[in-house]
Amino acid sequence: MNAKLIAVVAALAIVFPFCAGAQSAGVSLDRGIMFAMRGDYGTAIEEFTEAIRLDPNMAAAYILRARALFASVSIVTGVRENFSGIDYTSPGGQVTSEQIRVYDLVIEDLTQAIRIDPRHAESYNNRGNAYREKSDFDRAIADFTEAIRINPNYALAYSGRGIAYRNKRDYDRAIADYTQAIRLSPNFATAYYNRGFAYENKGDVDSAIADYTQAIRLNPNYTLAYYGRGNMYLFHRKDYDRAIADYTQAIRLDPNDIDAYFNRGYAYVNKGDADNAIADYNQVIRLAPNFIDTYLLRGIAYFIKGNVDRAITDWETALRLDPNNASAIENIEFARQQRGY
C-alpha cells in the first residue's frame, strides 16, 4: 500500500471510528432475525445479545431480543416478516418461576429500548404484554395507555389494554377498548374473540355468540372462538347439537383440546348419548389421566347405559384421586343401594 493510500485509510478510520463495530452489530441483528424466523429463539437471543454488546445503543436489538424472549415462553401461532411481530397465546395455567424470570428480562430490555427511544409506542405495548403475563395489570394498563397516547390509532394497544381490564374484571372498560380496536382494525379477529369473552363474563350471551361468530368468520381456524361459542350454546342455550358441532370443529383444529372433549362429552350426556360421551371421556383420560371430573362424568354415562359396575369403578377411581370427593362418595352409595348392597 502506497503512502497516499495509507493516509486516506487513516483519515477514514478517524471520521468513521465505529463503522466496523456497527456493521458487525447489524450482521448479528440480521442473523438473530433469521434464527427467530426459524423458531430457534435461543440462538436468536444469543445473536441479539451480541448485537447489543457491539452497539449498546441499538434500540432494535433490545426490542428484538425482548420479542424472542417473550416468544420462548409463549405458544407462537404466527411470526411476521423479519420478526417484526408475533401472534401468540399464553401457555395457560399457573405462571411458572421460569416464565416470570423471562418476563422480567423482557421488561428490562424494553425499558432500555424506551430509554433510547421514548417515543416508540410498540415498546410500551410489548412491555405492557409482559406485565400483563406477570399479572401486574396496573402497570400493563399504564404502558398500553402510553402506547395509545403516542399512537392513538394503535389497535393492538387497545386490545392489550382490554385484556388487562378484563383480567381486572372491569368488563365495561374492556369492551370499550375492544370496540375501539375493532373500529381501527375491522378485521381484527382476536379483538372480536376477546370482546365476546368479556360479554360472556358479563352474562350477555347474545353479544358473546355474535362476537365469537364474527371471529370465526374472519378466521375459520380460530379454535378458541369455536370453543367459546360452544360453551354459550351448551351452558346458556342448552342447544346441545350446536354445542357439539362447535366442539367438534375445535377438536378438528386441535386434536388435543382436552376442554373441548370434556365439554362435548357433557353435551352428549345431556342428550342421553352415553356411548359418544364415554368415547369423549376416554379421550380426556388418555390426555389427562388425573382429571377427576372426567371419572365422575364417565361414571354417570356408564350408569345411564345400565353398566353400574363400570360406573362404580370410575367413581372409586375419582375417590382414590380425591379421598374427600363428596360427589364420588354419594354416587357410589347411591349405585350400591340400587344394586341392593
Protein backbone atom coordinates (compact mmCIF):
# COMPACT_ATOMS: atom_id res chain seq x y z
CA MET A 1 0.00 0.00 0.00
CA ASN A 2 1.50 3.36 -1.01
CA ALA A 3 1.84 6.26 1.42
CA LYS A 4 -1.02 8.24 -0.15
CA LEU A 5 -3.47 5.34 0.21
CA ILE A 6 -2.36 4.72 3.82
CA ALA A 7 -3.15 8.34 4.62
CA VAL A 8 -6.65 8.05 3.10
CA VAL A 9 -7.42 4.87 5.06
CA ALA A 10 -6.18 6.50 8.28
CA ALA A 11 -8.38 9.52 7.66
CA LEU A 12 -11.43 7.32 7.09
CA ALA A 13 -10.74 5.49 10.36
CA ILE A 14 -10.76 8.81 12.21
CA VAL A 15 -14.01 10.02 10.57
CA PHE A 16 -15.85 6.70 10.98
CA PRO A 17 -14.27 5.11 14.07
CA PHE A 18 -17.27 2.84 14.84
CA CYS A 19 -18.19 1.65 11.35
CA ALA A 20 -16.73 -1.83 11.79
CA GLY A 21 -18.49 -2.36 15.12
CA ALA A 22 -21.81 -1.03 13.83
CA GLN A 23 -21.57 -3.24 10.79
CA SER A 24 -20.88 -6.27 13.00
CA ALA A 25 -23.85 -5.37 15.20
CA GLY A 26 -26.03 -5.20 12.11
CA VAL A 27 -24.81 -8.60 10.98
CA SER A 28 -25.64 -10.10 14.38
CA LEU A 29 -29.05 -8.44 14.24
CA ASP A 30 -29.76 -9.95 10.81
CA ARG A 31 -28.58 -13.37 11.96
CA GLY A 32 -30.82 -13.12 15.02
CA ILE A 33 -33.82 -12.31 12.83
CA MET A 34 -33.01 -15.29 10.60
CA PHE A 35 -32.90 -17.69 13.57
CA ALA A 36 -36.03 -16.18 15.12
CA MET A 37 -37.96 -16.67 11.87
CA ARG A 38 -36.98 -20.35 12.06
CA GLY A 39 -38.29 -20.58 15.63
CA ASP A 40 -34.79 -21.01 17.08
CA TYR A 41 -35.28 -18.40 19.78
CA GLY A 42 -32.32 -19.48 21.88
CA THR A 43 -29.82 -18.82 19.09
CA ALA A 44 -31.68 -15.64 18.11
CA ILE A 45 -31.32 -14.34 21.67
CA GLU A 46 -27.57 -15.03 21.54
CA GLU A 47 -27.24 -13.08 18.29
CA PHE A 48 -29.28 -10.12 19.57
CA THR A 49 -27.16 -10.14 22.74
CA GLU A 50 -24.03 -9.93 20.59
CA ALA A 51 -25.52 -7.02 18.64
CA ILE A 52 -26.14 -5.21 21.95
CA ARG A 53 -22.57 -5.90 23.09
CA LEU A 54 -21.25 -4.39 19.88
CA ASP A 55 -23.66 -1.44 19.89
CA PRO A 56 -25.24 -0.82 23.33
CA ASN A 57 -27.43 1.98 21.94
CA MET A 58 -29.13 -0.12 19.24
CA ALA A 59 -32.78 0.04 20.34
CA ALA A 60 -33.82 -2.51 17.69
CA ALA A 61 -31.59 -5.17 19.26
CA TYR A 62 -33.24 -4.75 22.68
CA ILE A 63 -36.71 -4.83 21.09
CA LEU A 64 -35.94 -7.97 19.09
CA ARG A 65 -34.26 -9.75 21.99
CA ALA A 66 -37.32 -8.97 24.13
CA ARG A 67 -39.58 -10.39 21.41
CA ALA A 68 -37.50 -13.57 21.16
CA LEU A 69 -37.51 -13.98 24.93
CA PHE A 70 -41.27 -13.49 25.06
CA ALA A 71 -41.77 -15.98 22.21
CA SER A 72 -39.64 -18.56 24.02
CA VAL A 73 -42.25 -18.89 26.80
CA SER A 74 -45.36 -18.45 24.62
CA ILE A 75 -47.31 -20.59 22.16
CA VAL A 76 -46.40 -18.80 18.93
CA THR A 77 -49.15 -19.07 16.30
CA GLY A 78 -47.62 -16.73 13.73
CA VAL A 79 -44.45 -14.77 13.00
CA ARG A 80 -44.48 -11.60 10.92
CA GLU A 81 -41.93 -10.77 8.25
CA ASN A 82 -38.43 -10.01 9.52
CA PHE A 83 -39.60 -10.92 13.04
CA SER A 84 -41.45 -7.59 13.17
CA GLY A 85 -44.07 -9.15 15.44
CA ILE A 86 -45.53 -12.42 16.67
CA ASP A 87 -49.00 -13.81 17.18
CA TYR A 88 -49.18 -15.89 20.30
CA THR A 89 -51.27 -17.37 23.06
CA SER A 90 -50.19 -17.76 26.65
CA PRO A 91 -49.30 -21.30 27.75
CA GLY A 92 -52.13 -21.20 30.29
CA GLY A 93 -52.19 -22.47 33.85
CA GLN A 94 -50.14 -21.12 36.71
CA VAL A 95 -47.27 -18.87 35.63
CA THR A 96 -44.02 -20.63 36.48
CA SER A 97 -40.97 -19.09 38.13
CA GLU A 98 -39.07 -19.57 34.85
CA GLN A 99 -41.72 -17.67 32.92
CA ILE A 100 -41.61 -14.82 35.45
CA ARG A 101 -37.82 -14.72 35.12
CA VAL A 102 -38.13 -14.41 31.34
CA TYR A 103 -40.86 -11.76 31.56
CA ASP A 104 -38.59 -9.75 33.85
CA LEU A 105 -35.84 -9.93 31.23
CA VAL A 106 -38.32 -8.82 28.57
CA ILE A 107 -39.29 -5.84 30.74
CA GLU A 108 -35.62 -4.94 31.28
CA ASP A 109 -34.91 -4.99 27.53
CA LEU A 110 -37.95 -2.93 26.64
CA THR A 111 -37.22 -0.43 29.40
CA GLN A 112 -33.78 0.02 27.85
CA ALA A 113 -35.32 0.39 24.39
CA ILE A 114 -37.68 3.06 25.76
CA ARG A 115 -34.73 4.88 27.33
CA ILE A 116 -33.07 5.02 23.90
CA ASP A 117 -36.30 5.86 22.04
CA PRO A 118 -39.00 7.21 24.38
CA ARG A 119 -41.49 7.71 21.51
CA HIS A 120 -41.57 4.09 20.36
CA ALA A 121 -45.17 3.05 21.02
CA GLU A 122 -44.54 -0.63 20.27
CA SER A 123 -42.02 -0.90 23.12
CA TYR A 124 -44.63 0.32 25.60
CA ASN A 125 -47.20 -2.06 24.10
CA ASN A 126 -44.87 -5.05 24.32
CA ARG A 127 -43.77 -4.20 27.85
CA GLY A 128 -47.47 -3.99 28.73
CA ASN A 129 -47.90 -7.54 27.42
CA ALA A 130 -45.07 -8.75 29.67
CA TYR A 131 -46.52 -7.00 32.72
CA ARG A 132 -49.93 -8.50 31.94
CA GLU A 133 -48.48 -12.01 31.72
CA LYS A 134 -46.99 -11.40 35.18
CA SER A 135 -50.50 -10.37 36.36
CA ASP A 136 -49.22 -6.85 37.06
CA PHE A 137 -52.31 -5.38 35.43
CA ASP A 138 -51.97 -1.80 36.65
CA ARG A 139 -48.50 -1.42 35.13
CA ALA A 140 -49.71 -3.16 31.99
CA ILE A 141 -52.59 -0.69 31.67
CA ALA A 142 -50.20 2.24 32.21
CA ASP A 143 -47.96 1.01 29.38
CA PHE A 144 -50.82 0.34 26.97
CA THR A 145 -52.20 3.79 27.75
CA GLU A 146 -48.82 5.39 26.97
CA ALA A 147 -48.63 3.46 23.70
CA ILE A 148 -52.08 4.79 22.80
CA ARG A 149 -51.06 8.34 23.77
CA ILE A 150 -48.10 8.12 21.38
CA ASN A 151 -50.16 6.43 18.65
CA PRO A 152 -53.93 6.93 19.06
CA ASN A 153 -54.58 4.52 16.16
CA TYR A 154 -52.73 1.59 17.75
CA ALA A 155 -55.37 -1.17 17.65
CA LEU A 156 -53.11 -3.75 19.33
CA ALA A 157 -52.60 -1.47 22.34
CA TYR A 158 -56.36 -1.03 22.78
CA SER A 159 -56.79 -4.80 22.56
CA GLY A 160 -53.96 -5.42 25.04
CA ARG A 161 -55.37 -2.90 27.49
CA GLY A 162 -58.78 -4.51 27.08
CA ILE A 163 -57.34 -7.86 28.13
CA ALA A 164 -55.76 -6.25 31.20
CA TYR A 165 -59.08 -4.63 32.13
CA ARG A 166 -60.85 -7.96 31.62
CA ASN A 167 -58.36 -9.66 33.91
CA LYS A 168 -59.21 -7.00 36.50
CA ARG A 169 -62.89 -7.88 35.87
CA ASP A 170 -63.57 -4.39 34.61
CA TYR A 171 -65.62 -5.72 31.71
CA ASP A 172 -67.16 -2.43 30.60
CA ARG A 173 -63.75 -0.81 30.06
CA ALA A 174 -62.51 -3.99 28.41
CA ILE A 175 -65.43 -3.97 25.97
CA ALA A 176 -64.87 -0.27 25.22
CA ASP A 177 -61.21 -0.96 24.36
CA TYR A 178 -62.01 -3.98 22.18
CA THR A 179 -64.66 -1.93 20.39
CA GLN A 180 -62.09 0.78 19.67
CA ALA A 181 -59.62 -1.82 18.43
CA ILE A 182 -62.30 -3.17 16.07
CA ARG A 183 -63.13 0.34 14.85
CA LEU A 184 -59.47 0.88 14.00
CA SER A 185 -58.99 -2.62 12.56
CA PRO A 186 -62.34 -4.09 11.39
CA ASN A 187 -60.81 -7.48 10.54
CA PHE A 188 -59.17 -7.92 13.94
CA ALA A 189 -60.49 -11.41 14.76
CA THR A 190 -58.76 -11.56 18.15
CA ALA A 191 -60.48 -8.36 19.27
CA TYR A 192 -63.87 -9.87 18.40
CA TYR A 193 -62.97 -13.03 20.31
CA ASN A 194 -61.79 -11.08 23.35
CA ARG A 195 -64.86 -8.85 23.32
CA GLY A 196 -67.00 -11.98 23.09
CA PHE A 197 -65.23 -13.37 26.13
CA ALA A 198 -65.85 -10.13 28.02
CA TYR A 199 -69.53 -10.23 27.06
CA GLU A 200 -69.60 -13.86 28.25
CA ASN A 201 -68.23 -12.77 31.61
CA LYS A 202 -70.92 -10.09 31.81
CA GLY A 203 -73.61 -12.66 31.05
CA ASP A 204 -74.54 -11.06 27.69
CA VAL A 205 -74.95 -14.33 25.82
CA ASP A 206 -76.32 -12.92 22.55
CA SER A 207 -73.44 -10.44 22.18
CA ALA A 208 -70.89 -13.14 23.06
CA ILE A 209 -72.25 -15.51 20.41
CA ALA A 210 -72.29 -12.70 17.84
CA ASP A 211 -68.65 -11.80 18.51
CA TYR A 212 -67.45 -15.41 18.53
CA THR A 213 -69.27 -15.93 15.24
CA GLN A 214 -67.61 -12.86 13.72
CA ALA A 215 -64.20 -14.03 14.92
CA ILE A 216 -64.83 -17.38 13.20
CA ARG A 217 -65.97 -15.63 10.01
CA LEU A 218 -62.71 -13.66 9.93
CA ASN A 219 -60.59 -16.66 10.94
CA PRO A 220 -62.25 -20.02 10.22
CA ASN A 221 -59.44 -21.80 12.11
CA TYR A 222 -59.98 -19.90 15.36
CA THR A 223 -60.14 -22.84 17.79
CA LEU A 224 -60.85 -20.74 20.89
CA ALA A 225 -63.78 -19.00 19.19
CA TYR A 226 -65.44 -22.34 18.40
CA TYR A 227 -64.86 -23.45 21.97
CA GLY A 228 -66.23 -20.21 23.40
CA ARG A 229 -69.32 -20.28 21.22
CA GLY A 230 -69.82 -23.95 22.07
CA ASN A 231 -69.87 -23.02 25.75
CA MET A 232 -72.55 -20.42 25.10
CA TYR A 233 -74.71 -22.97 23.32
CA LEU A 234 -74.10 -25.68 25.95
CA PHE A 235 -74.40 -23.83 29.23
CA HIS A 236 -76.69 -20.94 28.35
CA ARG A 237 -78.83 -22.04 25.40
CA LYS A 238 -78.98 -25.78 26.16
CA ASP A 239 -78.58 -26.17 22.40
CA TYR A 240 -76.61 -29.40 22.59
CA ASP A 241 -76.41 -30.06 18.85
CA ARG A 242 -74.84 -26.67 18.09
CA ALA A 243 -72.53 -27.03 21.07
CA ILE A 244 -71.39 -30.45 19.84
CA ALA A 245 -70.82 -29.06 16.34
CA ASP A 246 -68.60 -26.27 17.69
CA TYR A 247 -66.62 -28.55 19.99
CA THR A 248 -66.16 -30.98 17.11
CA GLN A 249 -64.70 -28.20 14.99
CA ALA A 250 -62.41 -27.14 17.84
CA ILE A 251 -61.21 -30.75 18.16
CA ARG A 252 -60.64 -31.00 14.41
CA LEU A 253 -58.38 -27.96 14.63
CA ASP A 254 -56.69 -29.13 17.86
CA PRO A 255 -56.97 -32.91 18.41
CA ASN A 256 -55.50 -32.50 21.92
CA ASP A 257 -58.06 -29.94 23.13
CA ILE A 258 -58.96 -31.54 26.47
CA ASP A 259 -61.61 -28.96 27.35
CA ALA A 260 -63.42 -29.43 24.04
CA TYR A 261 -63.55 -33.22 24.50
CA PHE A 262 -64.73 -32.82 28.08
CA ASN A 263 -67.49 -30.34 27.28
CA ARG A 264 -68.60 -32.28 24.20
CA GLY A 265 -68.88 -35.33 26.42
CA TYR A 266 -71.01 -33.31 28.81
CA ALA A 267 -73.24 -32.23 25.92
CA TYR A 268 -73.62 -35.86 24.87
CA VAL A 269 -74.56 -36.83 28.46
CA ASN A 270 -77.26 -34.16 28.44
CA LYS A 271 -78.56 -35.56 25.15
CA GLY A 272 -78.63 -39.04 26.67
CA ASP A 273 -75.99 -40.25 24.19
CA ALA A 274 -73.91 -42.27 26.65
CA ASP A 275 -71.73 -44.03 24.07
CA ASN A 276 -70.40 -40.85 22.50
CA ALA A 277 -69.99 -39.30 25.94
CA ILE A 278 -67.89 -42.27 27.08
CA ALA A 279 -65.77 -42.05 23.91
CA ASP A 280 -65.02 -38.38 24.64
CA TYR A 281 -64.25 -39.01 28.30
CA ASN A 282 -61.93 -41.86 27.28
CA GLN A 283 -60.05 -39.34 25.16
CA VAL A 284 -59.83 -36.87 28.05
CA ILE A 285 -58.46 -39.58 30.34
CA ARG A 286 -55.88 -40.52 27.71
CA LEU A 287 -54.71 -36.89 27.61
CA ALA A 288 -55.15 -36.10 31.33
CA PRO A 289 -55.30 -39.29 33.43
CA ASN A 290 -55.76 -37.45 36.73
CA PHE A 291 -58.67 -35.21 35.75
CA ILE A 292 -61.12 -36.23 38.49
CA ASP A 293 -64.30 -34.78 36.96
CA THR A 294 -63.85 -36.99 33.90
CA TYR A 295 -64.20 -40.15 36.00
CA LEU A 296 -67.24 -38.70 37.74
CA LEU A 297 -69.00 -37.92 34.46
CA ARG A 298 -67.91 -41.08 32.66
CA GLY A 299 -69.34 -42.97 35.62
CA ILE A 300 -72.66 -41.20 35.07
CA ALA A 301 -72.56 -42.14 31.38
CA TYR A 302 -71.97 -45.80 32.30
CA PHE A 303 -74.80 -45.57 34.83
CA ILE A 304 -77.12 -44.24 32.10
CA LYS A 305 -76.18 -47.27 29.99
CA GLY A 306 -77.06 -49.53 32.92
CA ASN A 307 -73.45 -50.60 33.46
CA VAL A 308 -73.45 -49.94 37.21
CA ASP A 309 -70.24 -51.86 37.92
CA ARG A 310 -68.25 -49.75 35.46
CA ALA A 311 -69.84 -46.63 36.92
CA ILE A 312 -68.78 -47.61 40.44
CA THR A 313 -65.26 -48.36 39.19
CA ASP A 314 -64.97 -44.86 37.75
CA TRP A 315 -66.28 -43.22 40.92
CA GLU A 316 -63.86 -45.29 43.00
CA THR A 317 -61.03 -44.06 40.79
CA ALA A 318 -62.18 -40.49 41.42
CA LEU A 319 -62.21 -41.25 45.14
CA ARG A 320 -58.65 -42.59 45.02
CA LEU A 321 -57.55 -39.34 43.37
CA ASP A 322 -59.52 -37.28 45.89
CA PRO A 323 -60.46 -39.26 49.03
CA ASN A 324 -62.80 -36.48 50.19
CA ASN A 325 -64.72 -36.08 46.94
CA ALA A 326 -68.34 -35.80 48.04
CA SER A 327 -69.80 -36.49 44.59
CA ALA A 328 -67.88 -39.74 44.25
CA ILE A 329 -68.93 -40.88 47.74
CA GLU A 330 -72.60 -40.07 47.11
CA ASN A 331 -72.63 -41.68 43.66
CA ILE A 332 -71.05 -44.91 44.92
CA GLU A 333 -73.51 -45.11 47.81
CA PHE A 334 -76.48 -44.47 45.53
CA ALA A 335 -75.30 -47.06 42.97
CA ARG A 336 -74.80 -49.69 45.65
CA GLN A 337 -78.27 -49.02 47.02
CA GLN A 338 -79.63 -49.54 43.51
CA ARG A 339 -77.80 -52.86 43.36
CA GLY A 340 -79.04 -53.82 46.82
CA TYR A 341 -75.71 -53.93 48.64
